[in-house]
Amino acid sequence: MSLADDVKLSIVAAVCTLVLITIPENIIHVQLDSASKYAPLLVFVFYLFLKDEEKNSILPWYLLIIYATAGVLILKTVNSFTNGTI
């Protein structure tokens, strides 16, 4: 992996974290716990520890960060609908 790939992945993780901080509080009106709020950054930290310079593709890590963000948002939205907080 090159340094440019690491920077791109960190930008994606930062943007997804900002989405998880702003959307639930301002649109869904729920508070996230810290593990849910910082899930994209946790995936990025796992990437930093598990990357292999020769044979690791960065595309699955992009998808994992985006899917983790979408999963947290979907689960919190469904949970707030079932609890009647929206």
C-alpha atoms as a PDB file:
ATOM      1  CA  MET A   1       0.000   0.000   0.000  1.00  0.00           C
ATOM      2  CA  SER A   2       1.169   3.461  -0.692  1.00  0.00           C
ATOM      3  CA  LEU A   3       0.924   6.440   1.570  1.00  0.00           C
ATOM      4  CA  ALA A   4      -1.669   7.981  -0.756  1.00  0.00           C
ATOM      5  CA  ASP A   5      -3.954   4.971  -0.215  1.00  0.00           C
ATOM      6  CA  ASP A   6      -3.612   5.362   3.546  1.00  0.00           C
ATOM      7  CA  VAL A   7      -4.488   9.057   3.330  1.00  0.00           C
ATOM      8  CA  LYS A   8      -7.523   8.378   1.126  1.00  0.00           C
ATOM      9  CA  LEU A   9      -8.777   5.716   3.517  1.00  0.00           C
ATOM     10  CA  SER A  10      -8.273   8.013   6.497  1.00  0.00           C
ATOM     11  CA  ILE A  11     -10.279  10.756   4.766  1.00  0.00           C
ATOM     12  CA  VAL A  12     -13.122   8.305   4.099  1.00  0.00           C
ATOM     13  CA  ALA A  13     -13.027   7.217   7.749  1.00  0.00           C
ATOM     14  CA  ALA A  14     -13.073  10.831   8.942  1.00  0.00           C
ATOM     15  CA  VAL A  15     -16.012  11.765   6.698  1.00  0.00           C
ATOM     16  CA  CYS A  16     -17.988   8.697   7.789  1.00  0.00           C
ATOM     17  CA  THR A  17     -17.265   9.526  11.432  1.00  0.00           C
ATOM     18  CA  LEU A  18     -18.540  13.068  10.910  1.00  0.00           C
ATOM     19  CA  VAL A  19     -21.679  11.616   9.343  1.00  0.00           C
ATOM     20  CA  LEU A  20     -22.165   9.369  12.379  1.00  0.00           C
ATOM     21  CA  ILE A  21     -21.696  12.288  14.741  1.00  0.00           C
ATOM     22  CA  THR A  22     -24.033  14.743  13.014  1.00  0.00           C
ATOM     23  CA  ILE A  23     -26.895  12.737  11.471  1.00  0.00           C
ATOM     24  CA  PRO A  24     -28.092  10.778  14.523  1.00  0.00           C
ATOM     25  CA  GLU A  25     -28.042  13.829  16.783  1.00  0.00           C
ATOM     26  CA  ASN A  26     -29.606  16.300  14.346  1.00  0.00           C
ATOM     27  CA  ILE A  27     -31.927  14.214  12.161  1.00  0.00           C
ATOM     28  CA  ILE A  28     -32.787  11.036  14.097  1.00  0.00           C
ATOM     29  CA  HIS A  29     -32.494  12.744  17.530  1.00  0.00           C
ATOM     30  CA  VAL A  30     -30.736   9.867  19.271  1.00  0.00           C
ATOM     31  CA  GLN A  31     -27.404   9.657  21.041  1.00  0.00           C
ATOM     32  CA  LEU A  32     -24.879   7.063  19.907  1.00  0.00           C
ATOM     33  CA  ASP A  33     -22.493   5.286  22.220  1.00  0.00           C
ATOM     34  CA  SER A  34     -18.798   5.833  21.589  1.00  0.00           C
ATOM     35  CA  ALA A  35     -18.203   2.477  19.874  1.00  0.00           C
ATOM     36  CA  SER A  36     -20.973   3.188  17.365  1.00  0.00           C
ATOM     37  CA  LYS A  37     -19.972   6.799  16.888  1.00  0.00           C
ATOM     38  CA  TYR A  38     -16.360   5.998  16.115  1.00  0.00           C
ATOM     39  CA  ALA A  39     -16.862   2.704  14.219  1.00  0.00           C
ATOM     40  CA  PRO A  40     -15.237   3.990  10.979  1.00  0.00           C
ATOM     41  CA  LEU A  41     -12.153   5.096  12.884  1.00  0.00           C
ATOM     42  CA  LEU A  42     -11.968   1.727  14.616  1.00  0.00           C
ATOM     43  CA  VAL A  43     -12.035  -0.003  11.220  1.00  0.00           C
ATOM     44  CA  PHE A  44      -9.234   2.309  10.067  1.00  0.00           C
ATOM     45  CA  VAL A  45      -7.163   1.421  13.138  1.00  0.00           C
ATOM     46  CA  PHE A  46      -7.661  -2.278  12.356  1.00  0.00           C
ATOM     47  CA  TYR A  47      -6.504  -1.551   8.814  1.00  0.00           C
ATOM     48  CA  LEU A  48      -3.332   0.076  10.108  1.00  0.00           C
ATOM     49  CA  PHE A  49      -2.517  -2.983  12.217  1.00  0.00           C
ATOM     50  CA  LEU A  50      -3.488  -5.600   9.619  1.00  0.00           C
ATOM     51  CA  LYS A  51      -2.255  -4.113   6.350  1.00  0.00           C
ATOM     52  CA  ASP A  52       0.273  -6.065   4.396  1.00  0.00           C
ATOM     53  CA  GLU A  53       2.465  -4.120   2.005  1.00  0.00           C
ATOM     54  CA  GLU A  54       2.669  -6.766  -0.729  1.00  0.00           C
ATOM     55  CA  LYS A  55      -0.726  -8.310  -1.285  1.00  0.00           C
ATOM     56  CA  ASN A  56      -3.475  -6.397   0.478  1.00  0.00           C
ATOM     57  CA  SER A  57      -6.145  -4.558  -1.525  1.00  0.00           C
ATOM     58  CA  ILE A  58      -7.590  -1.371  -0.081  1.00  0.00           C
ATOM     59  CA  LEU A  59     -11.059  -1.693  -1.667  1.00  0.00           C
ATOM     60  CA  PRO A  60     -12.482  -4.056   0.997  1.00  0.00           C
ATOM     61  CA  TRP A  61     -11.444  -1.584   3.671  1.00  0.00           C
ATOM     62  CA  TYR A  62     -13.309   1.241   1.917  1.00  0.00           C
ATOM     63  CA  LEU A  63     -16.402  -0.940   1.709  1.00  0.00           C
ATOM     64  CA  LEU A  64     -16.096  -2.050   5.332  1.00  0.00           C
ATOM     65  CA  ILE A  65     -15.941   1.551   6.556  1.00  0.00           C
ATOM     66  CA  ILE A  66     -18.932   2.572   4.440  1.00  0.00           C
ATOM     67  CA  TYR A  67     -20.954  -0.521   5.413  1.00  0.00           C
ATOM     68  CA  ALA A  68     -20.175  -0.001   9.103  1.00  0.00           C
ATOM     69  CA  THR A  69     -21.398   3.598   8.850  1.00  0.00           C
ATOM     70  CA  ALA A  70     -24.555   2.620   6.986  1.00  0.00           C
ATOM     71  CA  GLY A  71     -25.206  -0.270   9.368  1.00  0.00           C
ATOM     72  CA  VAL A  72     -25.018   1.923  12.459  1.00  0.00           C
ATOM     73  CA  LEU A  73     -27.319   4.505  10.879  1.00  0.00           C
ATOM     74  CA  ILE A  74     -29.852   1.897   9.747  1.00  0.00           C
ATOM     75  CA  LEU A  75     -29.897   0.074  13.087  1.00  0.00           C
ATOM     76  CA  LYS A  76     -30.313   3.289  15.076  1.00  0.00           C
ATOM     77  CA  THR A  77     -33.086   4.493  12.759  1.00  0.00           C
ATOM     78  CA  VAL A  78     -34.969   1.197  13.008  1.00  0.00           C
ATOM     79  CA  ASN A  79     -34.463   1.136  16.771  1.00  0.00           C
ATOM     80  CA  SER A  80     -35.784   4.657  17.172  1.00  0.00           C
ATOM     81  CA  PHE A  81     -38.849   3.833  15.032  1.00  0.00           C
ATOM     82  CA  THR A  82     -39.654   0.750  17.101  1.00  0.00           C
ATOM     83  CA  ASN A  83     -39.196   2.646  20.364  1.00  0.00           C
ATOM     84  CA  GLY A  84     -41.322   5.516  19.091  1.00  0.00           C
ATOM     85  CA  THR A  85     -38.720   8.198  19.682  1.00  0.00           C
ATOM     86  CA  ILE A  86     -39.018   9.722  16.202  1.00  0.00           C
END
